[in-house]
mmCIF file of all heavy atoms, coordinates in Angstrom:
data_MODEL
# 
_entry.id   MODEL 
# 
loop_
_atom_site.group_PDB 
_atom_site.id 
_atom_site.type_symbol 
_atom_site.label_atom_id 
_atom_site.label_alt_id 
_atom_site.label_comp_id 
_atom_site.label_asym_id 
_atom_site.label_entity_id 
_atom_site.label_seq_id 
_atom_site.pdbx_PDB_ins_code 
_atom_site.Cartn_x 
_atom_site.Cartn_y 
_atom_site.Cartn_z 
_atom_site.occupancy 
_atom_site.B_iso_or_equiv 
_atom_site.pdbx_formal_charge 
_atom_site.auth_seq_id 
_atom_site.auth_comp_id 
_atom_site.auth_asym_id 
_atom_site.auth_atom_id 
_atom_site.pdbx_PDB_model_num 
ATOM 1   N N   . LEU A 1 1  ? -5.778 16.464  -1.581 1.00 0.00 ? 1  LEU A N   1 
ATOM 2   C CA  . LEU A 1 1  ? -4.536 17.139  -1.863 1.00 0.00 ? 1  LEU A CA  1 
ATOM 3   C C   . LEU A 1 1  ? -4.587 17.760  -3.114 1.00 0.00 ? 1  LEU A C   1 
ATOM 4   O O   . LEU A 1 1  ? -3.897 17.421  -4.080 1.00 0.00 ? 1  LEU A O   1 
ATOM 5   C CB  . LEU A 1 1  ? -3.366 16.109  -1.753 1.00 0.00 ? 1  LEU A CB  1 
ATOM 6   C CG  . LEU A 1 1  ? -3.254 15.369  -0.397 1.00 0.00 ? 1  LEU A CG  1 
ATOM 7   C CD1 . LEU A 1 1  ? -2.324 14.173  -0.545 1.00 0.00 ? 1  LEU A CD1 1 
ATOM 8   C CD2 . LEU A 1 1  ? -2.843 16.250  0.651  1.00 0.00 ? 1  LEU A CD2 1 
ATOM 9   N N   . THR A 1 2  ? -5.466 18.763  -3.327 1.00 0.00 ? 2  THR A N   1 
ATOM 10  C CA  . THR A 1 2  ? -5.725 19.387  -4.654 1.00 0.00 ? 2  THR A CA  1 
ATOM 11  C C   . THR A 1 2  ? -4.560 20.188  -5.285 1.00 0.00 ? 2  THR A C   1 
ATOM 12  O O   . THR A 1 2  ? -4.546 20.413  -6.444 1.00 0.00 ? 2  THR A O   1 
ATOM 13  C CB  . THR A 1 2  ? -7.012 20.254  -4.593 1.00 0.00 ? 2  THR A CB  1 
ATOM 14  O OG1 . THR A 1 2  ? -6.890 21.204  -3.565 1.00 0.00 ? 2  THR A OG1 1 
ATOM 15  C CG2 . THR A 1 2  ? -8.227 19.384  -4.244 1.00 0.00 ? 2  THR A CG2 1 
ATOM 16  N N   . SER A 1 3  ? -3.655 20.641  -4.414 1.00 0.00 ? 3  SER A N   1 
ATOM 17  C CA  . SER A 1 3  ? -2.489 21.428  -4.924 1.00 0.00 ? 3  SER A CA  1 
ATOM 18  C C   . SER A 1 3  ? -1.244 20.641  -5.012 1.00 0.00 ? 3  SER A C   1 
ATOM 19  O O   . SER A 1 3  ? -0.272 21.013  -5.563 1.00 0.00 ? 3  SER A O   1 
ATOM 20  C CB  . SER A 1 3  ? -2.231 22.672  -4.015 1.00 0.00 ? 3  SER A CB  1 
ATOM 21  O OG  . SER A 1 3  ? -3.290 23.511  -4.029 1.00 0.00 ? 3  SER A OG  1 
ATOM 22  N N   . ALA A 1 4  ? -1.291 19.367  -4.626 1.00 0.00 ? 4  ALA A N   1 
ATOM 23  C CA  . ALA A 1 4  ? -0.100 18.450  -4.620 1.00 0.00 ? 4  ALA A CA  1 
ATOM 24  C C   . ALA A 1 4  ? -0.060 17.635  -5.927 1.00 0.00 ? 4  ALA A C   1 
ATOM 25  O O   . ALA A 1 4  ? -1.120 17.483  -6.585 1.00 0.00 ? 4  ALA A O   1 
ATOM 26  C CB  . ALA A 1 4  ? -0.196 17.523  -3.410 1.00 0.00 ? 4  ALA A CB  1 
ATOM 27  N N   . ARG A 1 5  ? 1.102  17.178  -6.248 1.00 0.00 ? 5  ARG A N   1 
ATOM 28  C CA  . ARG A 1 5  ? 1.314  16.285  -7.359 1.00 0.00 ? 5  ARG A CA  1 
ATOM 29  C C   . ARG A 1 5  ? 1.280  14.864  -6.883 1.00 0.00 ? 5  ARG A C   1 
ATOM 30  O O   . ARG A 1 5  ? 2.325  14.411  -6.270 1.00 0.00 ? 5  ARG A O   1 
ATOM 31  C CB  . ARG A 1 5  ? 2.550  16.593  -8.079 1.00 0.00 ? 5  ARG A CB  1 
ATOM 32  C CG  . ARG A 1 5  ? 2.540  18.014  -8.764 1.00 0.00 ? 5  ARG A CG  1 
ATOM 33  C CD  . ARG A 1 5  ? 3.864  18.336  -9.500 1.00 0.00 ? 5  ARG A CD  1 
ATOM 34  N NE  . ARG A 1 5  ? 5.111  18.061  -8.791 1.00 0.00 ? 5  ARG A NE  1 
ATOM 35  C CZ  . ARG A 1 5  ? 5.584  18.885  -7.895 1.00 0.00 ? 5  ARG A CZ  1 
ATOM 36  N NH1 . ARG A 1 5  ? 5.030  20.052  -7.646 1.00 0.00 ? 5  ARG A NH1 1 
ATOM 37  N NH2 . ARG A 1 5  ? 6.752  18.623  -7.296 1.00 0.00 ? 5  ARG A NH2 1 
ATOM 38  N N   . VAL A 1 6  ? 0.151  14.248  -6.945 1.00 0.00 ? 6  VAL A N   1 
ATOM 39  C CA  . VAL A 1 6  ? -0.055 12.950  -6.259 1.00 0.00 ? 6  VAL A CA  1 
ATOM 40  C C   . VAL A 1 6  ? 0.201  11.810  -7.211 1.00 0.00 ? 6  VAL A C   1 
ATOM 41  O O   . VAL A 1 6  ? -0.367 11.762  -8.294 1.00 0.00 ? 6  VAL A O   1 
ATOM 42  C CB  . VAL A 1 6  ? -1.494 12.806  -5.695 1.00 0.00 ? 6  VAL A CB  1 
ATOM 43  C CG1 . VAL A 1 6  ? -1.663 11.479  -5.060 1.00 0.00 ? 6  VAL A CG1 1 
ATOM 44  C CG2 . VAL A 1 6  ? -1.760 13.975  -4.686 1.00 0.00 ? 6  VAL A CG2 1 
ATOM 45  N N   . THR A 1 7  ? 1.087  10.883  -6.756 1.00 0.00 ? 7  THR A N   1 
ATOM 46  C CA  . THR A 1 7  ? 1.273  9.656   -7.456 1.00 0.00 ? 7  THR A CA  1 
ATOM 47  C C   . THR A 1 7  ? 0.605  8.597   -6.638 1.00 0.00 ? 7  THR A C   1 
ATOM 48  O O   . THR A 1 7  ? 0.921  8.404   -5.462 1.00 0.00 ? 7  THR A O   1 
ATOM 49  C CB  . THR A 1 7  ? 2.777  9.353   -7.631 1.00 0.00 ? 7  THR A CB  1 
ATOM 50  O OG1 . THR A 1 7  ? 3.382  10.418  -8.395 1.00 0.00 ? 7  THR A OG1 1 
ATOM 51  C CG2 . THR A 1 7  ? 2.960  8.058   -8.311 1.00 0.00 ? 7  THR A CG2 1 
ATOM 52  N N   . TYR A 1 8  ? -0.356 7.862   -7.257 1.00 0.00 ? 8  TYR A N   1 
ATOM 53  C CA  . TYR A 1 8  ? -1.047 6.816   -6.555 1.00 0.00 ? 8  TYR A CA  1 
ATOM 54  C C   . TYR A 1 8  ? -0.521 5.461   -6.924 1.00 0.00 ? 8  TYR A C   1 
ATOM 55  O O   . TYR A 1 8  ? -0.293 5.142   -8.090 1.00 0.00 ? 8  TYR A O   1 
ATOM 56  C CB  . TYR A 1 8  ? -2.569 6.950   -6.861 1.00 0.00 ? 8  TYR A CB  1 
ATOM 57  C CG  . TYR A 1 8  ? -3.390 5.914   -6.176 1.00 0.00 ? 8  TYR A CG  1 
ATOM 58  C CD1 . TYR A 1 8  ? -3.804 6.008   -4.877 1.00 0.00 ? 8  TYR A CD1 1 
ATOM 59  C CD2 . TYR A 1 8  ? -3.796 4.727   -6.858 1.00 0.00 ? 8  TYR A CD2 1 
ATOM 60  C CE1 . TYR A 1 8  ? -4.447 5.052   -4.231 1.00 0.00 ? 8  TYR A CE1 1 
ATOM 61  C CE2 . TYR A 1 8  ? -4.520 3.748   -6.215 1.00 0.00 ? 8  TYR A CE2 1 
ATOM 62  C CZ  . TYR A 1 8  ? -4.910 3.975   -4.948 1.00 0.00 ? 8  TYR A CZ  1 
ATOM 63  O OH  . TYR A 1 8  ? -5.664 2.995   -4.262 1.00 0.00 ? 8  TYR A OH  1 
ATOM 64  N N   . TRP A 1 9  ? -0.374 4.584   -5.918 1.00 0.00 ? 9  TRP A N   1 
ATOM 65  C CA  . TRP A 1 9  ? 0.164  3.215   -6.239 1.00 0.00 ? 9  TRP A CA  1 
ATOM 66  C C   . TRP A 1 9  ? -0.469 2.209   -5.307 1.00 0.00 ? 9  TRP A C   1 
ATOM 67  O O   . TRP A 1 9  ? -0.667 2.511   -4.109 1.00 0.00 ? 9  TRP A O   1 
ATOM 68  C CB  . TRP A 1 9  ? 1.675  3.247   -5.985 1.00 0.00 ? 9  TRP A CB  1 
ATOM 69  C CG  . TRP A 1 9  ? 2.360  1.928   -6.353 1.00 0.00 ? 9  TRP A CG  1 
ATOM 70  C CD1 . TRP A 1 9  ? 2.230  1.162   -7.467 1.00 0.00 ? 9  TRP A CD1 1 
ATOM 71  C CD2 . TRP A 1 9  ? 3.207  1.183   -5.433 1.00 0.00 ? 9  TRP A CD2 1 
ATOM 72  N NE1 . TRP A 1 9  ? 2.984  0.058   -7.327 1.00 0.00 ? 9  TRP A NE1 1 
ATOM 73  C CE2 . TRP A 1 9  ? 3.595  0.014   -6.056 1.00 0.00 ? 9  TRP A CE2 1 
ATOM 74  C CE3 . TRP A 1 9  ? 3.727  1.536   -4.163 1.00 0.00 ? 9  TRP A CE3 1 
ATOM 75  C CZ2 . TRP A 1 9  ? 4.540  -0.834  -5.570 1.00 0.00 ? 9  TRP A CZ2 1 
ATOM 76  C CZ3 . TRP A 1 9  ? 4.565  0.581   -3.563 1.00 0.00 ? 9  TRP A CZ3 1 
ATOM 77  C CH2 . TRP A 1 9  ? 4.996  -0.549  -4.222 1.00 0.00 ? 9  TRP A CH2 1 
ATOM 78  N N   . GLU A 1 10 ? -0.865 1.090   -5.874 1.00 0.00 ? 10 GLU A N   1 
ATOM 79  C CA  . GLU A 1 10 ? -1.449 -0.014  -5.017 1.00 0.00 ? 10 GLU A CA  1 
ATOM 80  C C   . GLU A 1 10 ? -0.383 -1.064  -4.917 1.00 0.00 ? 10 GLU A C   1 
ATOM 81  O O   . GLU A 1 10 ? 0.096  -1.571  -5.886 1.00 0.00 ? 10 GLU A O   1 
ATOM 82  C CB  . GLU A 1 10 ? -2.721 -0.598  -5.598 1.00 0.00 ? 10 GLU A CB  1 
ATOM 83  C CG  . GLU A 1 10 ? -3.902 0.271   -5.446 1.00 0.00 ? 10 GLU A CG  1 
ATOM 84  C CD  . GLU A 1 10 ? -5.192 -0.393  -5.887 1.00 0.00 ? 10 GLU A CD  1 
ATOM 85  O OE1 . GLU A 1 10 ? -5.272 -1.611  -5.774 1.00 0.00 ? 10 GLU A OE1 1 
ATOM 86  O OE2 . GLU A 1 10 ? -6.102 0.273   -6.256 1.00 0.00 ? 10 GLU A OE2 1 
ATOM 87  N N   . LEU A 1 11 ? -0.025 -1.354  -3.689 1.00 0.00 ? 11 LEU A N   1 
ATOM 88  C CA  . LEU A 1 11 ? 0.982  -2.360  -3.371 1.00 0.00 ? 11 LEU A CA  1 
ATOM 89  C C   . LEU A 1 11 ? 0.367  -3.706  -3.219 1.00 0.00 ? 11 LEU A C   1 
ATOM 90  O O   . LEU A 1 11 ? -0.531 -3.897  -2.369 1.00 0.00 ? 11 LEU A O   1 
ATOM 91  C CB  . LEU A 1 11 ? 1.719  -1.992  -2.079 1.00 0.00 ? 11 LEU A CB  1 
ATOM 92  C CG  . LEU A 1 11 ? 2.734  -2.982  -1.460 1.00 0.00 ? 11 LEU A CG  1 
ATOM 93  C CD1 . LEU A 1 11 ? 3.805  -3.295  -2.449 1.00 0.00 ? 11 LEU A CD1 1 
ATOM 94  C CD2 . LEU A 1 11 ? 3.220  -2.422  -0.110 1.00 0.00 ? 11 LEU A CD2 1 
ATOM 95  N N   . ALA A 1 12 ? 0.774  -4.692  -3.960 1.00 0.00 ? 12 ALA A N   1 
ATOM 96  C CA  . ALA A 1 12 ? 0.327  -6.030  -3.769 1.00 0.00 ? 12 ALA A CA  1 
ATOM 97  C C   . ALA A 1 12 ? 1.471  -6.803  -2.998 1.00 0.00 ? 12 ALA A C   1 
ATOM 98  O O   . ALA A 1 12 ? 2.608  -6.875  -3.413 1.00 0.00 ? 12 ALA A O   1 
ATOM 99  C CB  . ALA A 1 12 ? 0.193  -6.768  -5.149 1.00 0.00 ? 12 ALA A CB  1 
ATOM 100 N N   . LEU A 1 13 ? 1.115  -7.250  -1.814 1.00 0.00 ? 13 LEU A N   1 
ATOM 101 C CA  . LEU A 1 13 ? 2.010  -7.976  -0.949 1.00 0.00 ? 13 LEU A CA  1 
ATOM 102 C C   . LEU A 1 13 ? 2.251  -9.397  -1.490 1.00 0.00 ? 13 LEU A C   1 
ATOM 103 O O   . LEU A 1 13 ? 1.411  -9.965  -2.115 1.00 0.00 ? 13 LEU A O   1 
ATOM 104 C CB  . LEU A 1 13 ? 1.533  -8.021  0.516  1.00 0.00 ? 13 LEU A CB  1 
ATOM 105 C CG  . LEU A 1 13 ? 1.383  -6.669  1.089  1.00 0.00 ? 13 LEU A CG  1 
ATOM 106 C CD1 . LEU A 1 13 ? 0.756  -6.814  2.521  1.00 0.00 ? 13 LEU A CD1 1 
ATOM 107 C CD2 . LEU A 1 13 ? 2.692  -5.959  1.249  1.00 0.00 ? 13 LEU A CD2 1 
ATOM 108 N N   . GLY A 1 14 ? 3.469  -9.872  -1.209 1.00 0.00 ? 14 GLY A N   1 
ATOM 109 C CA  . GLY A 1 14 ? 3.794  -11.272 -1.600 1.00 0.00 ? 14 GLY A CA  1 
ATOM 110 C C   . GLY A 1 14 ? 3.054  -12.317 -0.711 1.00 0.00 ? 14 GLY A C   1 
ATOM 111 O O   . GLY A 1 14 ? 2.363  -11.976 0.243  1.00 0.00 ? 14 GLY A O   1 
ATOM 112 N N   . GLY A 1 15 ? 3.028  -13.534 -1.165 1.00 0.00 ? 15 GLY A N   1 
ATOM 113 C CA  . GLY A 1 15 ? 2.388  -14.571 -0.447 1.00 0.00 ? 15 GLY A CA  1 
ATOM 114 C C   . GLY A 1 15 ? 2.884  -14.883 0.934  1.00 0.00 ? 15 GLY A C   1 
ATOM 115 O O   . GLY A 1 15 ? 2.182  -15.566 1.721  1.00 0.00 ? 15 GLY A O   1 
ATOM 116 N N   . SER A 1 16 ? 4.029  -14.386 1.291  1.00 0.00 ? 16 SER A N   1 
ATOM 117 C CA  . SER A 1 16 ? 4.598  -14.632 2.604  1.00 0.00 ? 16 SER A CA  1 
ATOM 118 C C   . SER A 1 16 ? 3.994  -13.676 3.670  1.00 0.00 ? 16 SER A C   1 
ATOM 119 O O   . SER A 1 16 ? 4.175  -13.836 4.883  1.00 0.00 ? 16 SER A O   1 
ATOM 120 C CB  . SER A 1 16 ? 6.069  -14.513 2.600  1.00 0.00 ? 16 SER A CB  1 
ATOM 121 O OG  . SER A 1 16 ? 6.452  -13.228 2.247  1.00 0.00 ? 16 SER A OG  1 
ATOM 122 N N   . ALA A 1 17 ? 3.291  -12.687 3.266  1.00 0.00 ? 17 ALA A N   1 
ATOM 123 C CA  . ALA A 1 17 ? 2.647  -11.695 4.147  1.00 0.00 ? 17 ALA A CA  1 
ATOM 124 C C   . ALA A 1 17 ? 1.570  -12.305 4.933  1.00 0.00 ? 17 ALA A C   1 
ATOM 125 O O   . ALA A 1 17 ? 0.711  -13.004 4.381  1.00 0.00 ? 17 ALA A O   1 
ATOM 126 C CB  . ALA A 1 17 ? 2.166  -10.472 3.435  1.00 0.00 ? 17 ALA A CB  1 
ATOM 127 N N   . THR A 1 18 ? 1.659  -12.340 6.260  1.00 0.00 ? 18 THR A N   1 
ATOM 128 C CA  . THR A 1 18 ? 0.627  -12.898 7.096  1.00 0.00 ? 18 THR A CA  1 
ATOM 129 C C   . THR A 1 18 ? 0.006  -11.832 7.955  1.00 0.00 ? 18 THR A C   1 
ATOM 130 O O   . THR A 1 18 ? 0.539  -10.751 8.175  1.00 0.00 ? 18 THR A O   1 
ATOM 131 C CB  . THR A 1 18 ? 1.351  -13.993 8.011  1.00 0.00 ? 18 THR A CB  1 
ATOM 132 O OG1 . THR A 1 18 ? 2.309  -13.365 8.747  1.00 0.00 ? 18 THR A OG1 1 
ATOM 133 C CG2 . THR A 1 18 ? 1.867  -15.100 7.179  1.00 0.00 ? 18 THR A CG2 1 
ATOM 134 N N   . GLY A 1 19 ? -1.149 -12.179 8.562  1.00 0.00 ? 19 GLY A N   1 
ATOM 135 C CA  . GLY A 1 19 ? -1.771 -11.307 9.499  1.00 0.00 ? 19 GLY A CA  1 
ATOM 136 C C   . GLY A 1 19 ? -2.542 -10.151 8.717  1.00 0.00 ? 19 GLY A C   1 
ATOM 137 O O   . GLY A 1 19 ? -2.813 -10.262 7.516  1.00 0.00 ? 19 GLY A O   1 
ATOM 138 N N   . SER A 1 20 ? -2.823 -9.167  9.440  1.00 0.00 ? 20 SER A N   1 
ATOM 139 C CA  . SER A 1 20 ? -3.495 -7.992  8.886  1.00 0.00 ? 20 SER A CA  1 
ATOM 140 C C   . SER A 1 20 ? -2.740 -7.380  7.743  1.00 0.00 ? 20 SER A C   1 
ATOM 141 O O   . SER A 1 20 ? -1.616 -7.065  7.876  1.00 0.00 ? 20 SER A O   1 
ATOM 142 C CB  . SER A 1 20 ? -3.775 -6.933  9.950  1.00 0.00 ? 20 SER A CB  1 
ATOM 143 O OG  . SER A 1 20 ? -4.214 -5.688  9.480  1.00 0.00 ? 20 SER A OG  1 
ATOM 144 N N   . ARG A 1 21 ? -3.393 -7.112  6.620  1.00 0.00 ? 21 ARG A N   1 
ATOM 145 C CA  . ARG A 1 21 ? -2.822 -6.476  5.435  1.00 0.00 ? 21 ARG A CA  1 
ATOM 146 C C   . ARG A 1 21 ? -2.386 -5.075  5.847  1.00 0.00 ? 21 ARG A C   1 
ATOM 147 O O   . ARG A 1 21 ? -1.435 -4.541  5.261  1.00 0.00 ? 21 ARG A O   1 
ATOM 148 C CB  . ARG A 1 21 ? -3.705 -6.491  4.308  1.00 0.00 ? 21 ARG A CB  1 
ATOM 149 C CG  . ARG A 1 21 ? -3.919 -7.792  3.557  1.00 0.00 ? 21 ARG A CG  1 
ATOM 150 C CD  . ARG A 1 21 ? -2.591 -8.218  2.992  1.00 0.00 ? 21 ARG A CD  1 
ATOM 151 N NE  . ARG A 1 21 ? -2.757 -9.251  2.037  1.00 0.00 ? 21 ARG A NE  1 
ATOM 152 C CZ  . ARG A 1 21 ? -1.887 -10.175 1.730  1.00 0.00 ? 21 ARG A CZ  1 
ATOM 153 N NH1 . ARG A 1 21 ? -0.764 -10.197 2.503  1.00 0.00 ? 21 ARG A NH1 1 
ATOM 154 N NH2 . ARG A 1 21 ? -2.089 -11.019 0.808  1.00 0.00 ? 21 ARG A NH2 1 
ATOM 155 N N   . HIS A 1 22 ? -3.002 -4.440  6.790  1.00 0.00 ? 22 HIS A N   1 
ATOM 156 C CA  . HIS A 1 22 ? -2.754 -3.043  7.140  1.00 0.00 ? 22 HIS A CA  1 
ATOM 157 C C   . HIS A 1 22 ? -1.321 -3.003  7.733  1.00 0.00 ? 22 HIS A C   1 
ATOM 158 O O   . HIS A 1 22 ? -0.669 -1.932  7.553  1.00 0.00 ? 22 HIS A O   1 
ATOM 159 C CB  . HIS A 1 22 ? -3.728 -2.636  8.207  1.00 0.00 ? 22 HIS A CB  1 
ATOM 160 C CG  . HIS A 1 22 ? -3.699 -1.133  8.411  1.00 0.00 ? 22 HIS A CG  1 
ATOM 161 N ND1 . HIS A 1 22 ? -4.011 -0.277  7.460  1.00 0.00 ? 22 HIS A ND1 1 
ATOM 162 C CD2 . HIS A 1 22 ? -3.353 -0.450  9.548  1.00 0.00 ? 22 HIS A CD2 1 
ATOM 163 C CE1 . HIS A 1 22 ? -3.835 0.991   8.002  1.00 0.00 ? 22 HIS A CE1 1 
ATOM 164 N NE2 . HIS A 1 22 ? -3.403 0.904   9.218  1.00 0.00 ? 22 HIS A NE2 1 
ATOM 165 N N   . TYR A 1 23 ? -0.811 -3.957  8.366  1.00 0.00 ? 23 TYR A N   1 
ATOM 166 C CA  . TYR A 1 23 ? 0.503  -4.011  8.961  1.00 0.00 ? 23 TYR A CA  1 
ATOM 167 C C   . TYR A 1 23 ? 1.452  -4.933  8.271  1.00 0.00 ? 23 TYR A C   1 
ATOM 168 O O   . TYR A 1 23 ? 2.738  -4.836  8.498  1.00 0.00 ? 23 TYR A O   1 
ATOM 169 C CB  . TYR A 1 23 ? 0.487  -4.391  10.447 1.00 0.00 ? 23 TYR A CB  1 
ATOM 170 C CG  . TYR A 1 23 ? -0.393 -3.381  11.206 1.00 0.00 ? 23 TYR A CG  1 
ATOM 171 C CD1 . TYR A 1 23 ? -1.670 -3.797  11.615 1.00 0.00 ? 23 TYR A CD1 1 
ATOM 172 C CD2 . TYR A 1 23 ? 0.022  -2.110  11.520 1.00 0.00 ? 23 TYR A CD2 1 
ATOM 173 C CE1 . TYR A 1 23 ? -2.482 -2.889  12.400 1.00 0.00 ? 23 TYR A CE1 1 
ATOM 174 C CE2 . TYR A 1 23 ? -0.847 -1.187  12.169 1.00 0.00 ? 23 TYR A CE2 1 
ATOM 175 C CZ  . TYR A 1 23 ? -2.003 -1.594  12.608 1.00 0.00 ? 23 TYR A CZ  1 
ATOM 176 O OH  . TYR A 1 23 ? -2.800 -0.730  13.289 1.00 0.00 ? 23 TYR A OH  1 
ATOM 177 N N   . ALA A 1 24 ? 1.034  -5.791  7.384  1.00 0.00 ? 24 ALA A N   1 
ATOM 178 C CA  . ALA A 1 24 ? 1.876  -6.736  6.767  1.00 0.00 ? 24 ALA A CA  1 
ATOM 179 C C   . ALA A 1 24 ? 2.971  -6.204  5.875  1.00 0.00 ? 24 ALA A C   1 
ATOM 180 O O   . ALA A 1 24 ? 4.051  -6.744  5.668  1.00 0.00 ? 24 ALA A O   1 
ATOM 181 C CB  . ALA A 1 24 ? 0.998  -7.794  5.943  1.00 0.00 ? 24 ALA A CB  1 
ATOM 182 N N   . TRP A 1 25 ? 2.799  -5.007  5.394  1.00 0.00 ? 25 TRP A N   1 
ATOM 183 C CA  . TRP A 1 25 ? 3.740  -4.313  4.549  1.00 0.00 ? 25 TRP A CA  1 
ATOM 184 C C   . TRP A 1 25 ? 5.121  -4.209  5.292  1.00 0.00 ? 25 TRP A C   1 
ATOM 185 O O   . TRP A 1 25 ? 6.126  -4.013  4.715  1.00 0.00 ? 25 TRP A O   1 
ATOM 186 C CB  . TRP A 1 25 ? 3.286  -3.036  3.939  1.00 0.00 ? 25 TRP A CB  1 
ATOM 187 C CG  . TRP A 1 25 ? 2.967  -1.972  4.916  1.00 0.00 ? 25 TRP A CG  1 
ATOM 188 C CD1 . TRP A 1 25 ? 1.721  -1.735  5.550  1.00 0.00 ? 25 TRP A CD1 1 
ATOM 189 C CD2 . TRP A 1 25 ? 3.867  -1.043  5.491  1.00 0.00 ? 25 TRP A CD2 1 
ATOM 190 N NE1 . TRP A 1 25 ? 1.891  -0.626  6.350  1.00 0.00 ? 25 TRP A NE1 1 
ATOM 191 C CE2 . TRP A 1 25 ? 3.176  -0.179  6.422  1.00 0.00 ? 25 TRP A CE2 1 
ATOM 192 C CE3 . TRP A 1 25 ? 5.241  -0.662  5.240  1.00 0.00 ? 25 TRP A CE3 1 
ATOM 193 C CZ2 . TRP A 1 25 ? 3.692  0.820   7.130  1.00 0.00 ? 25 TRP A CZ2 1 
ATOM 194 C CZ3 . TRP A 1 25 ? 5.776  0.370   5.953  1.00 0.00 ? 25 TRP A CZ3 1 
ATOM 195 C CH2 . TRP A 1 25 ? 5.038  1.118   6.867  1.00 0.00 ? 25 TRP A CH2 1 
# 
């Protein structure tokens, strides 16, 4: 996305998140 203004963020899920991290959010 070279022309976009990208904000990057890594989300750390809480301890209650179970199963695949891909869907736990």
